[in-house]
Amino acid sequence: MKFENTGIEDICADLNVLDDIMPQYGLIRAEQWDYERVTYDRKFELSEGIFYLRIFGTATEGDVGTHRAVIKLLTPVLGKHYYPHGVEYGKDEVFPQYLVKRCEHILKELKEEITRTIPGKQAQN
């Protein structure tokens, strides 16, 4: 499930700033990166299954491995994990409404924090 028009998509920000802000909202980068891409995940273990709120990003400048990169954030998604195949985001997936609302709230607060922390064009979409 995609969260369209959150204001997060297309934000460009320094990787180190994002690495400081994202964990405040439970979004962890961990080992989800390569030299040009990052993924911030928040895991939800519910009675309905395991779900991930994910925010992907790509480097527009620099190198993620050196911690010197500007990251362009992409459209956030919500996916359901299926063992052993991985996470599915498709339109046929059913997501608990309370989880969707919670994710929308997290994304709203995250957007506000990013724009508060990063002044000017960098935090603009």
PDB file of N, CA and C in Angstrom:
ATOM      1  N   MET A   1       0.848  -1.170   0.000  1.00  0.00           N
ATOM      2  CA  MET A   1       0.000   0.000   0.000  1.00  0.00           C
ATOM      3  C   MET A   1       0.891   1.230   0.000  1.00  0.00           C
ATOM      4  N   LYS A   2       0.615   2.135  -0.923  1.00  0.00           N
ATOM      5  CA  LYS A   2       1.380   3.372  -0.986  1.00  0.00           C
ATOM      6  C   LYS A   2       0.657   4.470  -0.214  1.00  0.00           C
ATOM      7  N   PHE A   3       1.427   5.311   0.466  1.00  0.00           N
ATOM      8  CA  PHE A   3       0.892   6.489   1.129  1.00  0.00           C
ATOM      9  C   PHE A   3       1.210   7.691   0.244  1.00  0.00           C
ATOM     10  N   GLU A   4       0.264   8.029  -0.618  1.00  0.00           N
ATOM     11  CA  GLU A   4       0.456   9.107  -1.581  1.00  0.00           C
ATOM     12  C   GLU A   4       0.271  10.465  -0.910  1.00  0.00           C
ATOM     13  N   ASN A   5       0.949  11.467  -1.446  1.00  0.00           N
ATOM     14  CA  ASN A   5       0.788  12.863  -1.033  1.00  0.00           C
ATOM     15  C   ASN A   5       1.017  13.102   0.455  1.00  0.00           C
ATOM     16  N   THR A   6       2.025  12.465   1.008  1.00  0.00           N
ATOM     17  CA  THR A   6       2.346  12.673   2.420  1.00  0.00           C
ATOM     18  C   THR A   6       3.213  13.909   2.620  1.00  0.00           C
ATOM     19  N   GLY A   7       3.836  14.365   1.537  1.00  0.00           N
ATOM     20  CA  GLY A   7       4.786  15.462   1.649  1.00  0.00           C
ATOM     21  C   GLY A   7       6.193  14.957   1.909  1.00  0.00           C
ATOM     22  N   ILE A   8       6.331  13.673   2.156  1.00  0.00           N
ATOM     23  CA  ILE A   8       7.658  13.095   2.402  1.00  0.00           C
ATOM     24  C   ILE A   8       8.353  12.771   1.082  1.00  0.00           C
ATOM     25  N   GLU A   9       7.575  12.294   0.114  1.00  0.00           N
ATOM     26  CA  GLU A   9       8.175  11.942  -1.162  1.00  0.00           C
ATOM     27  C   GLU A   9       8.822  13.174  -1.785  1.00  0.00           C
ATOM     28  N   ASP A  10       9.973  12.962  -2.321  1.00  0.00           N
ATOM     29  CA  ASP A  10      10.782  13.985  -2.988  1.00  0.00           C
ATOM     30  C   ASP A  10      11.527  14.932  -2.050  1.00  0.00           C
ATOM     31  N   ILE A  11      11.417  14.746  -0.735  1.00  0.00           N
ATOM     32  CA  ILE A  11      12.255  15.534   0.174  1.00  0.00           C
ATOM     33  C   ILE A  11      13.699  15.100  -0.030  1.00  0.00           C
ATOM     34  N   CYS A  12      14.602  16.058  -0.051  1.00  0.00           N
ATOM     35  CA  CYS A  12      16.033  15.766  -0.111  1.00  0.00           C
ATOM     36  C   CYS A  12      16.663  16.236   1.195  1.00  0.00           C
ATOM     37  N   ALA A  13      17.439  15.351   1.809  1.00  0.00           N
ATOM     38  CA  ALA A  13      18.049  15.679   3.095  1.00  0.00           C
ATOM     39  C   ALA A  13      19.352  14.916   3.260  1.00  0.00           C
ATOM     40  N   ASP A  14      20.218  15.461   4.087  1.00  0.00           N
ATOM     41  CA  ASP A  14      21.484  14.821   4.405  1.00  0.00           C
ATOM     42  C   ASP A  14      21.222  13.488   5.107  1.00  0.00           C
ATOM     43  N   LEU A  15      21.944  12.462   4.711  1.00  0.00           N
ATOM     44  CA  LEU A  15      21.793  11.117   5.280  1.00  0.00           C
ATOM     45  C   LEU A  15      21.943  11.118   6.796  1.00  0.00           C
ATOM     46  N   ASN A  16      22.920  11.836   7.322  1.00  0.00           N
ATOM     47  CA  ASN A  16      23.150  11.835   8.764  1.00  0.00           C
ATOM     48  C   ASN A  16      22.001  12.471   9.530  1.00  0.00           C
ATOM     49  N   VAL A  17      21.394  13.493   8.951  1.00  0.00           N
ATOM     50  CA  VAL A  17      20.223  14.115   9.577  1.00  0.00           C
ATOM     51  C   VAL A  17      19.067  13.119   9.583  1.00  0.00           C
ATOM     52  N   LEU A  18      18.838  12.443   8.462  1.00  0.00           N
ATOM     53  CA  LEU A  18      17.779  11.435   8.402  1.00  0.00           C
ATOM     54  C   LEU A  18      18.041  10.305   9.393  1.00  0.00           C
ATOM     55  N   ASP A  19      19.298   9.875   9.503  1.00  0.00           N
ATOM     56  CA  ASP A  19      19.639   8.802  10.447  1.00  0.00           C
ATOM     57  C   ASP A  19      19.393   9.222  11.896  1.00  0.00           C
ATOM     58  N   ASP A  20      19.412  10.521  12.179  1.00  0.00           N
ATOM     59  CA  ASP A  20      19.095  11.019  13.522  1.00  0.00           C
ATOM     60  C   ASP A  20      17.594  11.135  13.749  1.00  0.00           C
ATOM     61  N   ILE A  21      16.856  11.581  12.727  1.00  0.00           N
ATOM     62  CA  ILE A  21      15.417  11.829  12.863  1.00  0.00           C
ATOM     63  C   ILE A  21      14.591  10.552  12.803  1.00  0.00           C
ATOM     64  N   MET A  22      14.865   9.699  11.853  1.00  0.00           N
ATOM     65  CA  MET A  22      14.015   8.528  11.592  1.00  0.00           C
ATOM     66  C   MET A  22      13.811   7.621  12.818  1.00  0.00           C
ATOM     67  N   PRO A  23      14.854   7.307  13.602  1.00  0.00           N
ATOM     68  CA  PRO A  23      14.635   6.426  14.751  1.00  0.00           C
ATOM     69  C   PRO A  23      13.670   6.998  15.794  1.00  0.00           C
ATOM     70  N   GLN A  24      13.520   8.309  15.829  1.00  0.00           N
ATOM     71  CA  GLN A  24      12.555   8.922  16.747  1.00  0.00           C
ATOM     72  C   GLN A  24      11.133   8.469  16.428  1.00  0.00           C
ATOM     73  N   TYR A  25      10.920   7.999  15.202  1.00  0.00           N
ATOM     74  CA  TYR A  25       9.609   7.534  14.754  1.00  0.00           C
ATOM     75  C   TYR A  25       9.606   6.026  14.507  1.00  0.00           C
ATOM     76  N   GLY A  26      10.614   5.358  15.054  1.00  0.00           N
ATOM     77  CA  GLY A  26      10.696   3.911  14.941  1.00  0.00           C
ATOM     78  C   GLY A  26      11.181   3.412  13.598  1.00  0.00           C
ATOM     79  N   LEU A  27      11.661   4.305  12.752  1.00  0.00           N
ATOM     80  CA  LEU A  27      12.127   3.941  11.412  1.00  0.00           C
ATOM     81  C   LEU A  27      13.639   3.746  11.447  1.00  0.00           C
ATOM     82  N   ILE A  28      14.070   2.521  11.241  1.00  0.00           N
ATOM     83  CA  ILE A  28      15.465   2.136  11.399  1.00  0.00           C
ATOM     84  C   ILE A  28      16.058   1.759  10.040  1.00  0.00           C
ATOM     85  N   ARG A  29      17.268   2.270   9.777  1.00  0.00           N
ATOM     86  CA  ARG A  29      17.947   1.933   8.515  1.00  0.00           C
ATOM     87  C   ARG A  29      18.653   0.592   8.629  1.00  0.00           C
ATOM     88  N   ALA A  30      19.262   0.297   9.737  1.00  0.00           N
ATOM     89  CA  ALA A  30      19.975  -0.966   9.967  1.00  0.00           C
ATOM     90  C   ALA A  30      20.864  -1.312   8.779  1.00  0.00           C
ATOM     91  N   GLU A  31      20.704  -2.495   8.228  1.00  0.00           N
ATOM     92  CA  GLU A  31      21.535  -2.929   7.099  1.00  0.00           C
ATOM     93  C   GLU A  31      20.832  -2.756   5.762  1.00  0.00           C
ATOM     94  N   GLN A  32      19.761  -1.980   5.745  1.00  0.00           N
ATOM     95  CA  GLN A  32      19.009  -1.769   4.512  1.00  0.00           C
ATOM     96  C   GLN A  32      19.594  -0.626   3.690  1.00  0.00           C
ATOM     97  N   TRP A  33      20.732  -0.853   3.095  1.00  0.00           N
ATOM     98  CA  TRP A  33      21.322   0.192   2.262  1.00  0.00           C
ATOM     99  C   TRP A  33      22.345  -0.413   1.320  1.00  0.00           C
ATOM    100  N   ASP A  34      22.609   0.322   0.261  1.00  0.00           N
ATOM    101  CA  ASP A  34      23.781   0.071  -0.556  1.00  0.00           C
ATOM    102  C   ASP A  34      24.367   1.453  -0.832  1.00  0.00           C
ATOM    103  N   TYR A  35      25.224   1.601  -1.777  1.00  0.00           N
ATOM    104  CA  TYR A  35      25.903   2.878  -1.963  1.00  0.00           C
ATOM    105  C   TYR A  35      25.013   3.964  -2.549  1.00  0.00           C
ATOM    106  N   GLU A  36      23.874   3.575  -3.117  1.00  0.00           N
ATOM    107  CA  GLU A  36      22.984   4.539  -3.753  1.00  0.00           C
ATOM    108  C   GLU A  36      21.576   4.561  -3.176  1.00  0.00           C
ATOM    109  N   ARG A  37      21.237   3.609  -2.305  1.00  0.00           N
ATOM    110  CA  ARG A  37      19.870   3.494  -1.797  1.00  0.00           C
ATOM    111  C   ARG A  37      19.842   3.215  -0.305  1.00  0.00           C
ATOM    112  N   VAL A  38      18.748   3.661   0.325  1.00  0.00           N
ATOM    113  CA  VAL A  38      18.506   3.358   1.734  1.00  0.00           C
ATOM    114  C   VAL A  38      17.044   2.935   1.900  1.00  0.00           C
ATOM    115  N   THR A  39      16.778   2.219   2.979  1.00  0.00           N
ATOM    116  CA  THR A  39      15.420   1.876   3.364  1.00  0.00           C
ATOM    117  C   THR A  39      15.302   2.039   4.867  1.00  0.00           C
ATOM    118  N   TYR A  40      14.316   2.816   5.298  1.00  0.00           N
ATOM    119  CA  TYR A  40      14.005   2.971   6.716  1.00  0.00           C
ATOM    120  C   TYR A  40      12.740   2.162   6.992  1.00  0.00           C
ATOM    121  N   ASP A  41      12.805   1.269   7.987  1.00  0.00           N
ATOM    122  CA  ASP A  41      11.703   0.361   8.310  1.00  0.00           C
ATOM    123  C   ASP A  41      11.204   0.562   9.727  1.00  0.00           C
ATOM    124  N   ARG A  42       9.890   0.450   9.872  1.00  0.00           N
ATOM    125  CA  ARG A  42       9.292   0.320  11.195  1.00  0.00           C
ATOM    126  C   ARG A  42       8.463  -0.959  11.158  1.00  0.00           C
ATOM    127  N   LYS A  43       8.780  -1.864  12.059  1.00  0.00           N
ATOM    128  CA  LYS A  43       8.127  -3.171  12.106  1.00  0.00           C
ATOM    129  C   LYS A  43       6.961  -3.134  13.093  1.00  0.00           C
ATOM    130  N   PHE A  44       5.844  -3.713  12.676  1.00  0.00           N
ATOM    131  CA  PHE A  44       4.664  -3.845  13.523  1.00  0.00           C
ATOM    132  C   PHE A  44       4.324  -5.323  13.626  1.00  0.00           C
ATOM    133  N   GLU A  45       4.407  -5.881  14.828  1.00  0.00           N
ATOM    134  CA  GLU A  45       4.029  -7.277  15.063  1.00  0.00           C
ATOM    135  C   GLU A  45       2.643  -7.267  15.683  1.00  0.00           C
ATOM    136  N   LEU A  46       1.648  -7.658  14.893  1.00  0.00           N
ATOM    137  CA  LEU A  46       0.254  -7.600  15.319  1.00  0.00           C
ATOM    138  C   LEU A  46      -0.371  -8.993  15.250  1.00  0.00           C
ATOM    139  N   SER A  47      -1.548  -9.123  15.818  1.00  0.00           N
ATOM    140  CA  SER A  47      -2.237 -10.414  15.746  1.00  0.00           C
ATOM    141  C   SER A  47      -2.578 -10.769  14.295  1.00  0.00           C
ATOM    142  N   GLU A  48      -2.717  -9.744  13.427  1.00  0.00           N
ATOM    143  CA  GLU A  48      -3.032  -9.975  12.015  1.00  0.00           C
ATOM    144  C   GLU A  48      -1.803 -10.325  11.184  1.00  0.00           C
ATOM    145  N   GLY A  49      -0.626 -10.225  11.775  1.00  0.00           N
ATOM    146  CA  GLY A  49       0.598 -10.541  11.048  1.00  0.00           C
ATOM    147  C   GLY A  49       1.695  -9.531  11.323  1.00  0.00           C
ATOM    148  N   ILE A  50       2.764  -9.638  10.562  1.00  0.00           N
ATOM    149  CA  ILE A  50       3.895  -8.716  10.677  1.00  0.00           C
ATOM    150  C   ILE A  50       3.847  -7.767   9.490  1.00  0.00           C
ATOM    151  N   PHE A  51       3.930  -6.480   9.802  1.00  0.00           N
ATOM    152  CA  PHE A  51       3.834  -5.436   8.788  1.00  0.00           C
ATOM    153  C   PHE A  51       5.033  -4.509   8.897  1.00  0.00           C
ATOM    154  N   TYR A  52       5.377  -3.884   7.781  1.00  0.00           N
ATOM    155  CA  TYR A  52       6.474  -2.926   7.746  1.00  0.00           C
ATOM    156  C   TYR A  52       6.027  -1.631   7.093  1.00  0.00           C
ATOM    157  N   LEU A  53       6.239  -0.532   7.806  1.00  0.00           N
ATOM    158  CA  LEU A  53       6.149   0.786   7.206  1.00  0.00           C
ATOM    159  C   LEU A  53       7.539   1.064   6.664  1.00  0.00           C
ATOM    160  N   ARG A  54       7.640   1.357   5.368  1.00  0.00           N
ATOM    161  CA  ARG A  54       8.941   1.540   4.737  1.00  0.00           C
ATOM    162  C   ARG A  54       9.013   2.864   4.008  1.00  0.00           C
ATOM    163  N   ILE A  55      10.166   3.499   4.165  1.00  0.00           N
ATOM    164  CA  ILE A  55      10.461   4.695   3.390  1.00  0.00           C
ATOM    165  C   ILE A  55      11.778   4.435   2.678  1.00  0.00           C
ATOM    166  N   PHE A  56      11.706   4.396   1.366  1.00  0.00           N
ATOM    167  CA  PHE A  56      12.883   4.193   0.530  1.00  0.00           C
ATOM    168  C   PHE A  56      13.478   5.547   0.179  1.00  0.00           C
ATOM    169  N   GLY A  57      14.772   5.552  -0.103  1.00  0.00           N
ATOM    170  CA  GLY A  57      15.423   6.768  -0.552  1.00  0.00           C
ATOM    171  C   GLY A  57      16.569   6.442  -1.490  1.00  0.00           C
ATOM    172  N   THR A  58      16.898   7.399  -2.348  1.00  0.00           N
ATOM    173  CA  THR A  58      18.029   7.235  -3.254  1.00  0.00           C
ATOM    174  C   THR A  58      18.983   8.409  -3.084  1.00  0.00           C
ATOM    175  N   ALA A  59      20.254   8.146  -3.252  1.00  0.00           N
ATOM    176  CA  ALA A  59      21.271   9.194  -3.133  1.00  0.00           C
ATOM    177  C   ALA A  59      21.266  10.041  -4.401  1.00  0.00           C
ATOM    178  N   THR A  60      21.119  11.347  -4.216  1.00  0.00           N
ATOM    179  CA  THR A  60      21.221  12.268  -5.349  1.00  0.00           C
ATOM    180  C   THR A  60      22.621  12.856  -5.424  1.00  0.00           C
ATOM    181  N   GLU A  61      23.335  12.798  -4.304  1.00  0.00           N
ATOM    182  CA  GLU A  61      24.727  13.250  -4.229  1.00  0.00           C
ATOM    183  C   GLU A  61      25.444  12.350  -3.231  1.00  0.00           C
ATOM    184  N   GLY A  62      26.707  12.122  -3.462  1.00  0.00           N
ATOM    185  CA  GLY A  62      27.528  11.409  -2.491  1.00  0.00           C
ATOM    186  C   GLY A  62      27.341   9.910  -2.496  1.00  0.00           C
ATOM    187  N   ASP A  63      27.732   9.311  -1.358  1.00  0.00           N
ATOM    188  CA  ASP A  63      27.834   7.867  -1.223  1.00  0.00           C
ATOM    189  C   ASP A  63      27.324   7.477   0.158  1.00  0.00           C
ATOM    190  N   VAL A  64      26.328   6.624   0.217  1.00  0.00           N
ATOM    191  CA  VAL A  64      25.741   6.192   1.485  1.00  0.00           C
ATOM    192  C   VAL A  64      26.785   5.518   2.370  1.00  0.00           C
ATOM    193  N   GLY A  65      27.675   4.732   1.780  1.00  0.00           N
ATOM    194  CA  GLY A  65      28.678   3.998   2.548  1.00  0.00           C
ATOM    195  C   GLY A  65      29.648   4.888   3.308  1.00  0.00           C
ATOM    196  N   THR A  66      29.874   6.096   2.825  1.00  0.00           N
ATOM    197  CA  THR A  66      30.782   7.025   3.506  1.00  0.00           C
ATOM    198  C   THR A  66      30.041   7.963   4.449  1.00  0.00           C
ATOM    199  N   HIS A  67      28.716   7.805   4.543  1.00  0.00           N
ATOM    200  CA  HIS A  67      27.859   8.683   5.360  1.00  0.00           C
ATOM    201  C   HIS A  67      27.893  10.127   4.866  1.00  0.00           C
ATOM    202  N   ARG A  68      28.215  10.299   3.609  1.00  0.00           N
ATOM    203  CA  ARG A  68      28.213  11.625   2.993  1.00  0.00           C
ATOM    204  C   ARG A  68      27.334  11.545   1.758  1.00  0.00           C
ATOM    205  N   ALA A  69      26.033  11.712   1.991  1.00  0.00           N
ATOM    206  CA  ALA A  69      25.088  11.604   0.875  1.00  0.00           C
ATOM    207  C   ALA A  69      23.877  12.478   1.148  1.00  0.00           C
ATOM    208  N   VAL A  70      23.305  12.966   0.072  1.00  0.00           N
ATOM    209  CA  VAL A  70      22.007  13.625   0.122  1.00  0.00           C
ATOM    210  C   VAL A  70      21.009  12.599  -0.399  1.00  0.00           C
ATOM    211  N   ILE A  71      19.963  12.365   0.378  1.00  0.00           N
ATOM    212  CA  ILE A  71      18.982  11.335   0.067  1.00  0.00           C
ATOM    213  C   ILE A  71      17.665  11.965  -0.358  1.00  0.00           C
ATOM    214  N   LYS A  72      17.139  11.489  -1.471  1.00  0.00           N
ATOM    215  CA  LYS A  72      15.804  11.880  -1.919  1.00  0.00           C
ATOM    216  C   LYS A  72      14.853  10.786  -1.451  1.00  0.00           C
ATOM    217  N   LEU A  73      13.893  11.154  -0.608  1.00  0.00           N
ATOM    218  CA  LEU A  73      12.937  10.183  -0.099  1.00  0.00           C
ATOM    219  C   LEU A  73      11.858   9.908  -1.139  1.00  0.00           C
ATOM    220  N   LEU A  74      11.378   8.670  -1.131  1.00  0.00           N
ATOM    221  CA  LEU A  74      10.366   8.227  -2.083  1.00  0.00           C
ATOM    222  C   LEU A  74       9.039   8.009  -1.356  1.00  0.00           C
ATOM    223  N   THR A  75       8.024   7.634  -2.083  1.00  0.00           N
ATOM    224  CA  THR A  75       6.695   7.420  -1.521  1.00  0.00           C
ATOM    225  C   THR A  75       6.725   6.308  -0.473  1.00  0.00           C
ATOM    226  N   PRO A  76       6.277   6.590   0.762  1.00  0.00           N
ATOM    227  CA  PRO A  76       6.239   5.550   1.799  1.00  0.00           C
ATOM    228  C   PRO A  76       5.253   4.440   1.438  1.00  0.00           C
ATOM    229  N   VAL A  77       5.557   3.239   1.903  1.00  0.00           N
ATOM    230  CA  VAL A  77       4.690   2.083   1.642  1.00  0.00           C
ATOM    231  C   VAL A  77       4.474   1.289   2.926  1.00  0.00           C
ATOM    232  N   LEU A  78       3.386   0.533   2.935  1.00  0.00           N
ATOM    233  CA  LEU A  78       3.096  -0.402   4.005  1.00  0.00           C
ATOM    234  C   LEU A  78       3.015  -1.776   3.379  1.00  0.00           C
ATOM    235  N   GLY A  79       3.738  -2.729   3.953  1.00  0.00           N
ATOM    236  CA  GLY A  79       3.739  -4.074   3.417  1.00  0.00           C
ATOM    237  C   GLY A  79       3.504  -5.113   4.493  1.00  0.00           C
ATOM    238  N   LYS A  80       3.070  -6.283   4.067  1.00  0.00           N
ATOM    239  CA  LYS A  80       2.858  -7.405   4.980  1.00  0.00           C
ATOM    240  C   LYS A  80       3.917  -8.462   4.698  1.00  0.00           C
ATOM    241  N   HIS A  81       4.514  -8.978   5.766  1.00  0.00           N
ATOM    242  CA  HIS A  81       5.563  -9.985   5.639  1.00  0.00           C
ATOM    243  C   HIS A  81       4.951 -11.378   5.579  1.00  0.00           C
ATOM    244  N   TYR A  82       5.450 -12.153   4.623  1.00  0.00           N
ATOM    245  CA  TYR A  82       5.062 -13.561   4.481  1.00  0.00           C
ATOM    246  C   TYR A  82       6.334 -14.394   4.541  1.00  0.00           C
ATOM    247  N   TYR A  83       6.418 -15.254   5.540  1.00  0.00           N
ATOM    248  CA  TYR A  83       7.575 -16.126   5.659  1.00  0.00           C
ATOM    249  C   TYR A  83       7.424 -17.257   4.654  1.00  0.00           C
ATOM    250  N   PRO A  84       8.402 -17.661   3.933  1.00  0.00           N
ATOM    251  CA  PRO A  84       9.771 -17.164   3.826  1.00  0.00           C
ATOM    252  C   PRO A  84       9.972 -16.220   2.641  1.00  0.00           C
ATOM    253  N   HIS A  85       8.894 -15.750   2.037  1.00  0.00           N
ATOM    254  CA  HIS A  85       8.999 -15.025   0.771  1.00  0.00           C
ATOM    255  C   HIS A  85       9.352 -13.557   0.891  1.00  0.00           C
ATOM    256  N   GLY A  86       8.974 -12.901   1.973  1.00  0.00           N
ATOM    257  CA  GLY A  86       9.299 -11.489   2.131  1.00  0.00           C
ATOM    258  C   GLY A  86       8.067 -10.619   2.261  1.00  0.00           C
ATOM    259  N   VAL A  87       8.226  -9.352   1.942  1.00  0.00           N
ATOM    260  CA  VAL A  87       7.189  -8.357   2.159  1.00  0.00           C
ATOM    261  C   VAL A  87       6.427  -8.085   0.855  1.00  0.00           C
ATOM    262  N   GLU A  88       5.107  -8.081   0.963  1.00  0.00           N
ATOM    263  CA  GLU A  88       4.233  -7.808  -0.178  1.00  0.00           C
ATOM    264  C   GLU A  88       3.527  -6.471   0.045  1.00  0.00           C
ATOM    265  N   TYR A  89       3.451  -5.676  -1.013  1.00  0.00           N
ATOM    266  CA  TYR A  89       2.831  -4.356  -0.943  1.00  0.00           C
ATOM    267  C   TYR A  89       1.598  -4.238  -1.825  1.00  0.00           C
ATOM    268  N   GLY A  90       1.200  -5.291  -2.488  1.00  0.00           N
ATOM    269  CA  GLY A  90       0.188  -5.249  -3.535  1.00  0.00           C
ATOM    270  C   GLY A  90      -1.177  -4.734  -3.121  1.00  0.00           C
ATOM    271  N   LYS A  91      -1.937  -4.399  -4.126  1.00  0.00           N
ATOM    272  CA  LYS A  91      -3.293  -3.879  -3.928  1.00  0.00           C
ATOM    273  C   LYS A  91      -4.216  -4.923  -3.315  1.00  0.00           C
ATOM    274  N   ASP A  92      -3.872  -6.194  -3.454  1.00  0.00           N
ATOM    275  CA  ASP A  92      -4.712  -7.258  -2.914  1.00  0.00           C
ATOM    276  C   ASP A  92      -4.480  -7.498  -1.425  1.00  0.00           C
ATOM    277  N   GLU A  93      -3.461  -6.878  -0.869  1.00  0.00           N
ATOM    278  CA  GLU A  93      -3.172  -7.048   0.556  1.00  0.00           C
ATOM    279  C   GLU A  93      -4.222  -6.330   1.398  1.00  0.00           C
ATOM    280  N   VAL A  94      -4.522  -6.907   2.548  1.00  0.00           N
ATOM    281  CA  VAL A  94      -5.470  -6.303   3.479  1.00  0.00           C
ATOM    282  C   VAL A  94      -4.679  -5.817   4.696  1.00  0.00           C
ATOM    283  N   PHE A  95      -4.851  -4.529   4.997  1.00  0.00           N
ATOM    284  CA  PHE A  95      -4.149  -3.929   6.123  1.00  0.00           C
ATOM    285  C   PHE A  95      -5.168  -3.462   7.153  1.00  0.00           C
ATOM    286  N   PRO A  96      -4.934  -3.763   8.432  1.00  0.00           N
ATOM    287  CA  PRO A  96      -5.858  -3.300   9.471  1.00  0.00           C
ATOM    288  C   PRO A  96      -5.980  -1.774   9.420  1.00  0.00           C
ATOM    289  N   GLN A  97      -7.215  -1.287   9.470  1.00  0.00           N
ATOM    290  CA  GLN A  97      -7.451   0.152   9.365  1.00  0.00           C
ATOM    291  C   GLN A  97      -6.743   0.928  10.471  1.00  0.00           C
ATOM    292  N   TYR A  98      -6.703   0.369  11.683  1.00  0.00           N
ATOM    293  CA  TYR A  98      -6.030   1.075  12.774  1.00  0.00           C
ATOM    294  C   TYR A  98      -4.529   1.202  12.506  1.00  0.00           C
ATOM    295  N   LEU A  99      -3.944   0.232  11.808  1.00  0.00           N
ATOM    296  CA  LEU A  99      -2.529   0.313  11.456  1.00  0.00           C
ATOM    297  C   LEU A  99      -2.307   1.381  10.384  1.00  0.00           C
ATOM    298  N   VAL A 100      -3.179   1.436   9.412  1.00  0.00           N
ATOM    299  CA  VAL A 100      -3.078   2.448   8.361  1.00  0.00           C
ATOM    300  C   VAL A 100      -3.143   3.839   8.986  1.00  0.00           C
ATOM    301  N   LYS A 101      -4.092   4.057   9.883  1.00  0.00           N
ATOM    302  CA  LYS A 101      -4.232   5.360  10.557  1.00  0.00           C
ATOM    303  C   LYS A 101      -2.985   5.692  11.369  1.00  0.00           C
ATOM    304  N   ARG A 102      -2.452   4.699  12.055  1.00  0.00           N
ATOM    305  CA  ARG A 102      -1.227   4.913  12.846  1.00  0.00           C
ATOM    306  C   ARG A 102      -0.065   5.314  11.948  1.00  0.00           C
ATOM    307  N   CYS A 103       0.078   4.633  10.831  1.00  0.00           N
ATOM    308  CA  CYS A 103       1.149   4.961   9.884  1.00  0.00           C
ATOM    309  C   CYS A 103       0.971   6.363   9.315  1.00  0.00           C
ATOM    310  N   GLU A 104      -0.257   6.727   8.987  1.00  0.00           N
ATOM    311  CA  GLU A 104      -0.521   8.083   8.485  1.00  0.00           C
ATOM    312  C   GLU A 104      -0.114   9.127   9.519  1.00  0.00           C
ATOM    313  N   HIS A 105      -0.410   8.852  10.780  1.00  0.00           N
ATOM    314  CA  HIS A 105      -0.036   9.769  11.863  1.00  0.00           C
ATOM    315  C   HIS A 105       1.486   9.867  11.997  1.00  0.00           C
ATOM    316  N   ILE A 106       2.162   8.745  11.944  1.00  0.00           N
ATOM    317  CA  ILE A 106       3.625   8.730  12.021  1.00  0.00           C
ATOM    318  C   ILE A 106       4.220   9.539  10.874  1.00  0.00           C
ATOM    319  N   LEU A 107       3.710   9.337   9.669  1.00  0.00           N
ATOM    320  CA  LEU A 107       4.240  10.038   8.501  1.00  0.00           C
ATOM    321  C   LEU A 107       3.989  11.542   8.588  1.00  0.00           C
ATOM    322  N   LYS A 108       2.840  11.930   9.110  1.00  0.00           N
ATOM    323  CA  LYS A 108       2.524  13.358   9.280  1.00  0.00           C
ATOM    324  C   LYS A 108       3.506  13.998  10.260  1.00  0.00           C
ATOM    325  N   GLU A 109       3.718  13.341  11.393  1.00  0.00           N
ATOM    326  CA  GLU A 109       4.645  13.876  12.393  1.00  0.00           C
ATOM    327  C   GLU A 109       6.081  13.894  11.862  1.00  0.00           C
ATOM    328  N   LEU A 110       6.457  12.863  11.123  1.00  0.00           N
ATOM    329  CA  LEU A 110       7.795  12.793  10.547  1.00  0.00           C
ATOM    330  C   LEU A 110       8.023  13.942   9.574  1.00  0.00           C
ATOM    331  N   LYS A 111       7.059  14.194   8.720  1.00  0.00           N
ATOM    332  CA  LYS A 111       7.162  15.294   7.755  1.00  0.00           C
ATOM    333  C   LYS A 111       7.353  16.625   8.486  1.00  0.00           C
ATOM    334  N   GLU A 112       6.578  16.846   9.531  1.00  0.00           N
ATOM    335  CA  GLU A 112       6.694  18.081  10.312  1.00  0.00           C
ATOM    336  C   GLU A 112       8.080  18.195  10.939  1.00  0.00           C
ATOM    337  N   GLU A 113       8.594  17.098  11.471  1.00  0.00           N
ATOM    338  CA  GLU A 113       9.927  17.105  12.097  1.00  0.00           C
ATOM    339  C   GLU A 113      11.014  17.396  11.065  1.00  0.00           C
ATOM    340  N   ILE A 114      10.930  16.769   9.919  1.00  0.00           N
ATOM    341  CA  ILE A 114      11.943  16.985   8.886  1.00  0.00           C
ATOM    342  C   ILE A 114      11.937  18.444   8.437  1.00  0.00           C
ATOM    343  N   THR A 115      10.764  18.998   8.198  1.00  0.00           N
ATOM    344  CA  THR A 115      10.713  20.383   7.728  1.00  0.00           C
ATOM    345  C   THR A 115      11.117  21.365   8.828  1.00  0.00           C
ATOM    346  N   ARG A 116      10.910  21.011  10.082  1.00  0.00           N
ATOM    347  CA  ARG A 116      11.359  21.843  11.212  1.00  0.00           C
ATOM    348  C   ARG A 116      12.881  21.788  11.355  1.00  0.00           C
ATOM    349  N   THR A 117      13.439  20.606  11.158  1.00  0.00           N
ATOM    350  CA  THR A 117      14.872  20.390  11.377  1.00  0.00           C
ATOM    351  C   THR A 117      15.717  20.875  10.201  1.00  0.00           C
ATOM    352  N   ILE A 118      15.195  20.700   8.995  1.00  0.00           N
ATOM    353  CA  ILE A 118      15.972  21.025   7.799  1.00  0.00           C
ATOM    354  C   ILE A 118      15.344  22.242   7.129  1.00  0.00           C
ATOM    355  N   PRO A 119      15.893  23.417   7.363  1.00  0.00           N
ATOM    356  CA  PRO A 119      15.301  24.614   6.774  1.00  0.00           C
ATOM    357  C   PRO A 119      15.566  24.714   5.278  1.00  0.00           C
ATOM    358  N   GLY A 120      14.746  25.482   4.623  1.00  0.00           N
ATOM    359  CA  GLY A 120      14.990  25.825   3.227  1.00  0.00           C
ATOM    360  C   GLY A 120      14.651  24.742   2.245  1.00  0.00           C
ATOM    361  N   LYS A 121      15.307  24.812   1.103  1.00  0.00           N
ATOM    362  CA  LYS A 121      14.977  23.951  -0.038  1.00  0.00           C
ATOM    363  C   LYS A 121      15.236  22.476   0.205  1.00  0.00           C
ATOM    364  N   GLN A 122      16.206  22.141   1.046  1.00  0.00           N
ATOM    365  CA  GLN A 122      16.531  20.718   1.225  1.00  0.00           C
ATOM    366  C   GLN A 122      15.306  19.929   1.700  1.00  0.00           C
ATOM    367  N   ALA A 123      14.487  20.523   2.548  1.00  0.00           N
ATOM    368  CA  ALA A 123      13.328  19.786   3.079  1.00  0.00           C
ATOM    369  C   ALA A 123      12.096  19.994   2.235  1.00  0.00           C
ATOM    370  N   GLN A 124      12.208  20.694   1.151  1.00  0.00           N
ATOM    371  CA  GLN A 124      11.056  20.943   0.291  1.00  0.00           C
ATOM    372  C   GLN A 124      10.846  19.773  -0.650  1.00  0.00           C
ATOM    373  N   ASN A 125       9.597  19.517  -1.004  1.00  0.00           N
ATOM    374  CA  ASN A 125       9.361  18.488  -1.995  1.00  0.00           C
ATOM    375  C   ASN A 125       9.176  19.131  -3.334  1.00  0.00           C
TER     376      ASN A 125
END
